[in-house]
């Protein structure tokens, strides 16, 4: 049976903007997410752009459709969302070799959590990646994201 809720998950700012931006510069023919589309899309990360020399392959992940950000400035700041972000997507866990993930976790734990569990990616009005936040499981009783049962709308 599905539990009444799952979580909590702690959120943290991660330094993956340059990895996404580098991928889009390298592969300019690769489409960026389109706010008018309701389809999931693939995205890539060039981890060598972060100085991760042992990661010489592009890491791919799937993004949800873009959603507009409707939060005010104060709420954006509290959620670590860049002020000039206009849209966000959920990033599903990356397609990455387990040994590479363990290596990343030793030196970049927050970024490894993004690759392993997924996270949020934020875009500005020109669809440039301007922020990334990871999620990771945390101890019960810790404030964070908690997901409940589906609800009929």
C-alpha atoms as a PDB file:
ATOM      1  CA  UNK A   1       0.000   0.000   0.000  1.00  0.00           C
ATOM      2  CA  UNK A   2       1.133   3.524  -0.747  1.00  0.00           C
ATOM      3  CA  UNK A   3       2.164   5.364   2.428  1.00  0.00           C
ATOM      4  CA  UNK A   4       0.124   8.346   3.610  1.00  0.00           C
ATOM      5  CA  UNK A   5       3.107  10.538   2.789  1.00  0.00           C
ATOM      6  CA  UNK A   6       6.728  10.386   1.721  1.00  0.00           C
ATOM      7  CA  UNK A   7       9.416  12.690   2.952  1.00  0.00           C
ATOM      8  CA  UNK A   8      10.614  14.889   4.273  1.00  0.00           C
ATOM      9  CA  UNK A   9      13.083  15.990   1.661  1.00  0.00           C
ATOM     10  CA  UNK A  10      15.579  18.768   2.308  1.00  0.00           C
ATOM     11  CA  UNK A  11      16.186  21.262  -0.480  1.00  0.00           C
ATOM     12  CA  UNK A  12      19.523  22.844  -1.244  1.00  0.00           C
ATOM     13  CA  UNK A  13      21.013  25.178  -3.816  1.00  0.00           C
ATOM     14  CA  UNK A  14      23.389  23.324  -6.136  1.00  0.00           C
ATOM     15  CA  UNK A  15      26.012  24.564  -8.546  1.00  0.00           C
ATOM     16  CA  UNK A  16      24.882  22.981 -11.821  1.00  0.00           C
ATOM     17  CA  UNK A  17      23.923  26.059 -13.863  1.00  0.00           C
ATOM     18  CA  UNK A  18      27.251  26.079 -15.749  1.00  0.00           C
ATOM     19  CA  UNK A  19      26.922  22.351 -16.533  1.00  0.00           C
ATOM     20  CA  UNK A  20      23.501  22.849 -18.159  1.00  0.00           C
ATOM     21  CA  UNK A  21      24.569  26.085 -19.901  1.00  0.00           C
ATOM     22  CA  UNK A  22      27.720  24.449 -21.263  1.00  0.00           C
ATOM     23  CA  UNK A  23      25.665  21.569 -22.685  1.00  0.00           C
ATOM     24  CA  UNK A  24      23.314  23.976 -24.496  1.00  0.00           C
ATOM     25  CA  UNK A  25      26.310  25.941 -25.874  1.00  0.00           C
ATOM     26  CA  UNK A  26      27.990  22.744 -27.101  1.00  0.00           C
ATOM     27  CA  UNK A  27      24.812  21.395 -28.715  1.00  0.00           C
ATOM     28  CA  UNK A  28      23.004  24.479 -29.963  1.00  0.00           C
ATOM     29  CA  UNK A  29      20.712  22.353 -32.122  1.00  0.00           C
ATOM     30  CA  UNK A  30      19.421  20.644 -28.968  1.00  0.00           C
ATOM     31  CA  UNK A  31      16.045  22.249 -28.136  1.00  0.00           C
ATOM     32  CA  UNK A  32      15.587  24.070 -24.853  1.00  0.00           C
ATOM     33  CA  UNK A  33      12.323  23.510 -22.979  1.00  0.00           C
ATOM     34  CA  UNK A  34       9.421  25.462 -24.434  1.00  0.00           C
ATOM     35  CA  UNK A  35       6.872  27.055 -22.070  1.00  0.00           C
ATOM     36  CA  UNK A  36       4.139  26.437 -24.678  1.00  0.00           C
ATOM     37  CA  UNK A  37       4.748  22.657 -24.655  1.00  0.00           C
ATOM     38  CA  UNK A  38       3.254  20.156 -22.235  1.00  0.00           C
ATOM     39  CA  UNK A  39       5.815  17.471 -23.137  1.00  0.00           C
ATOM     40  CA  UNK A  40       8.768  16.248 -21.084  1.00  0.00           C
ATOM     41  CA  UNK A  41      12.145  16.957 -22.693  1.00  0.00           C
ATOM     42  CA  UNK A  42      15.701  15.706 -22.323  1.00  0.00           C
ATOM     43  CA  UNK A  43      18.544  17.916 -21.122  1.00  0.00           C
ATOM     44  CA  UNK A  44      22.241  17.353 -20.672  1.00  0.00           C
ATOM     45  CA  UNK A  45      24.903  18.360 -18.186  1.00  0.00           C
ATOM     46  CA  UNK A  46      28.530  18.880 -19.109  1.00  0.00           C
ATOM     47  CA  UNK A  47      30.109  18.246 -15.698  1.00  0.00           C
ATOM     48  CA  UNK A  48      33.600  19.080 -16.968  1.00  0.00           C
ATOM     49  CA  UNK A  49      32.397  22.719 -17.089  1.00  0.00           C
ATOM     50  CA  UNK A  50      32.369  22.538 -13.280  1.00  0.00           C
ATOM     51  CA  UNK A  51      35.958  21.317 -13.140  1.00  0.00           C
ATOM     52  CA  UNK A  52      34.930  17.704 -12.606  1.00  0.00           C
ATOM     53  CA  UNK A  53      37.744  16.344 -14.754  1.00  0.00           C
ATOM     54  CA  UNK A  54      36.838  12.666 -14.354  1.00  0.00           C
ATOM     55  CA  UNK A  55      33.359  13.231 -15.848  1.00  0.00           C
ATOM     56  CA  UNK A  56      34.152  13.435 -19.546  1.00  0.00           C
ATOM     57  CA  UNK A  57      30.745  12.250 -20.800  1.00  0.00           C
ATOM     58  CA  UNK A  58      27.530  14.255 -21.026  1.00  0.00           C
ATOM     59  CA  UNK A  59      25.054  13.204 -18.341  1.00  0.00           C
ATOM     60  CA  UNK A  60      21.404  13.232 -19.442  1.00  0.00           C
ATOM     61  CA  UNK A  61      18.230  13.784 -17.472  1.00  0.00           C
ATOM     62  CA  UNK A  62      14.573  14.278 -18.278  1.00  0.00           C
ATOM     63  CA  UNK A  63      12.751  17.530 -17.483  1.00  0.00           C
ATOM     64  CA  UNK A  64       9.056  17.952 -16.819  1.00  0.00           C
ATOM     65  CA  UNK A  65       7.199  20.533 -18.878  1.00  0.00           C
ATOM     66  CA  UNK A  66       7.989  24.123 -17.872  1.00  0.00           C
ATOM     67  CA  UNK A  67       5.682  25.751 -15.352  1.00  0.00           C
ATOM     68  CA  UNK A  68       5.388  29.489 -14.683  1.00  0.00           C
ATOM     69  CA  UNK A  69       6.628  30.731 -11.319  1.00  0.00           C
ATOM     70  CA  UNK A  70       3.854  32.596  -9.567  1.00  0.00           C
ATOM     71  CA  UNK A  71       5.600  33.362  -6.265  1.00  0.00           C
ATOM     72  CA  UNK A  72       6.319  36.859  -4.990  1.00  0.00           C
ATOM     73  CA  UNK A  73       9.897  38.045  -4.409  1.00  0.00           C
ATOM     74  CA  UNK A  74       9.910  37.257  -0.702  1.00  0.00           C
ATOM     75  CA  UNK A  75       8.710  33.697  -1.227  1.00  0.00           C
ATOM     76  CA  UNK A  76      11.194  33.172  -4.067  1.00  0.00           C
ATOM     77  CA  UNK A  77      14.025  34.250  -1.759  1.00  0.00           C
ATOM     78  CA  UNK A  78      12.841  31.890   1.007  1.00  0.00           C
ATOM     79  CA  UNK A  79      12.730  28.987  -1.484  1.00  0.00           C
ATOM     80  CA  UNK A  80      16.152  29.794  -2.996  1.00  0.00           C
ATOM     81  CA  UNK A  81      14.585  30.553  -6.374  1.00  0.00           C
ATOM     82  CA  UNK A  82      16.454  33.178  -8.413  1.00  0.00           C
ATOM     83  CA  UNK A  83      14.561  36.481  -8.488  1.00  0.00           C
ATOM     84  CA  UNK A  84      14.611  36.681 -12.311  1.00  0.00           C
ATOM     85  CA  UNK A  85      13.324  33.113 -12.759  1.00  0.00           C
ATOM     86  CA  UNK A  86      10.111  32.976 -14.788  1.00  0.00           C
ATOM     87  CA  UNK A  87       9.698  29.195 -15.196  1.00  0.00           C
ATOM     88  CA  UNK A  88      10.758  25.976 -13.509  1.00  0.00           C
ATOM     89  CA  UNK A  89      10.832  22.291 -14.343  1.00  0.00           C
ATOM     90  CA  UNK A  90      11.282  19.171 -12.279  1.00  0.00           C
ATOM     91  CA  UNK A  91      14.465  17.346 -13.227  1.00  0.00           C
ATOM     92  CA  UNK A  92      14.162  13.583 -12.939  1.00  0.00           C
ATOM     93  CA  UNK A  93      17.179  11.580 -11.715  1.00  0.00           C
ATOM     94  CA  UNK A  94      20.055  11.582 -14.187  1.00  0.00           C
ATOM     95  CA  UNK A  95      21.255   8.654 -16.246  1.00  0.00           C
ATOM     96  CA  UNK A  96      24.657   8.178 -14.631  1.00  0.00           C
ATOM     97  CA  UNK A  97      26.978   5.299 -13.825  1.00  0.00           C
ATOM     98  CA  UNK A  98      26.812   4.271 -10.133  1.00  0.00           C
ATOM     99  CA  UNK A  99      30.596   4.515  -9.702  1.00  0.00           C
ATOM    100  CA  UNK A 100      30.551   8.044 -11.134  1.00  0.00           C
ATOM    101  CA  UNK A 101      27.709   8.971  -8.785  1.00  0.00           C
ATOM    102  CA  UNK A 102      29.613   7.653  -5.743  1.00  0.00           C
ATOM    103  CA  UNK A 103      32.675   9.613  -6.847  1.00  0.00           C
ATOM    104  CA  UNK A 104      30.611  12.791  -7.195  1.00  0.00           C
ATOM    105  CA  UNK A 105      28.996  12.247  -3.790  1.00  0.00           C
ATOM    106  CA  UNK A 106      32.393  12.275  -2.055  1.00  0.00           C
ATOM    107  CA  UNK A 107      33.384  15.726  -3.303  1.00  0.00           C
ATOM    108  CA  UNK A 108      30.046  17.299  -4.346  1.00  0.00           C
ATOM    109  CA  UNK A 109      27.275  15.799  -2.160  1.00  0.00           C
ATOM    110  CA  UNK A 110      24.539  18.339  -2.977  1.00  0.00           C
ATOM    111  CA  UNK A 111      25.154  18.051  -6.725  1.00  0.00           C
ATOM    112  CA  UNK A 112      25.229  14.252  -6.445  1.00  0.00           C
ATOM    113  CA  UNK A 113      21.843  14.399  -4.670  1.00  0.00           C
ATOM    114  CA  UNK A 114      20.461  16.355  -7.651  1.00  0.00           C
ATOM    115  CA  UNK A 115      21.789  13.710 -10.040  1.00  0.00           C
ATOM    116  CA  UNK A 116      20.490  10.822  -7.904  1.00  0.00           C
ATOM    117  CA  UNK A 117      17.088  12.090  -6.704  1.00  0.00           C
ATOM    118  CA  UNK A 118      16.238  14.925  -9.073  1.00  0.00           C
ATOM    119  CA  UNK A 119      15.535  18.541  -8.292  1.00  0.00           C
ATOM    120  CA  UNK A 120      14.287  21.832  -9.636  1.00  0.00           C
ATOM    121  CA  UNK A 121      15.761  23.779 -12.529  1.00  0.00           C
ATOM    122  CA  UNK A 122      14.909  27.465 -13.030  1.00  0.00           C
ATOM    123  CA  UNK A 123      14.830  29.437 -16.291  1.00  0.00           C
ATOM    124  CA  UNK A 124      14.694  33.142 -17.076  1.00  0.00           C
ATOM    125  CA  UNK A 125      12.533  34.770 -19.760  1.00  0.00           C
ATOM    126  CA  UNK A 126      15.004  33.782 -22.505  1.00  0.00           C
ATOM    127  CA  UNK A 127      14.971  30.123 -21.352  1.00  0.00           C
ATOM    128  CA  UNK A 128      18.512  30.285 -19.972  1.00  0.00           C
ATOM    129  CA  UNK A 129      19.171  28.064 -16.941  1.00  0.00           C
ATOM    130  CA  UNK A 130      19.731  30.378 -13.978  1.00  0.00           C
ATOM    131  CA  UNK A 131      19.357  28.137 -10.925  1.00  0.00           C
ATOM    132  CA  UNK A 132      19.187  24.572  -9.656  1.00  0.00           C
ATOM    133  CA  UNK A 133      17.989  23.146  -6.332  1.00  0.00           C
ATOM    134  CA  UNK A 134      18.398  19.559  -5.188  1.00  0.00           C
ATOM    135  CA  UNK A 135      16.262  17.447  -2.915  1.00  0.00           C
ATOM    136  CA  UNK A 136      17.496  14.670  -0.649  1.00  0.00           C
ATOM    137  CA  UNK A 137      15.800  12.517   1.976  1.00  0.00           C
ATOM    138  CA  UNK A 138      16.222  13.803   5.514  1.00  0.00           C
ATOM    139  CA  UNK A 139      15.269  12.621   9.014  1.00  0.00           C
ATOM    140  CA  UNK A 140      11.642  12.442  10.096  1.00  0.00           C
ATOM    141  CA  UNK A 141      10.597  15.572  11.934  1.00  0.00           C
ATOM    142  CA  UNK A 142      12.910  17.778   9.887  1.00  0.00           C
ATOM    143  CA  UNK A 143      11.133  20.581   8.030  1.00  0.00           C
ATOM    144  CA  UNK A 144      11.115  20.025   4.292  1.00  0.00           C
ATOM    145  CA  UNK A 145       9.071  18.866   1.330  1.00  0.00           C
ATOM    146  CA  UNK A 146       6.586  16.113   2.127  1.00  0.00           C
ATOM    147  CA  UNK A 147       4.358  14.561  -0.495  1.00  0.00           C
ATOM    148  CA  UNK A 148       0.938  13.154   0.357  1.00  0.00           C
ATOM    149  CA  UNK A 149      -1.540  10.974  -1.442  1.00  0.00           C
ATOM    150  CA  UNK A 150      -2.888  12.146  -4.812  1.00  0.00           C
ATOM    151  CA  UNK A 151      -5.918  14.387  -4.553  1.00  0.00           C
ATOM    152  CA  UNK A 152      -8.800  14.784  -6.940  1.00  0.00           C
ATOM    153  CA  UNK A 153      -9.010  18.302  -8.286  1.00  0.00           C
END
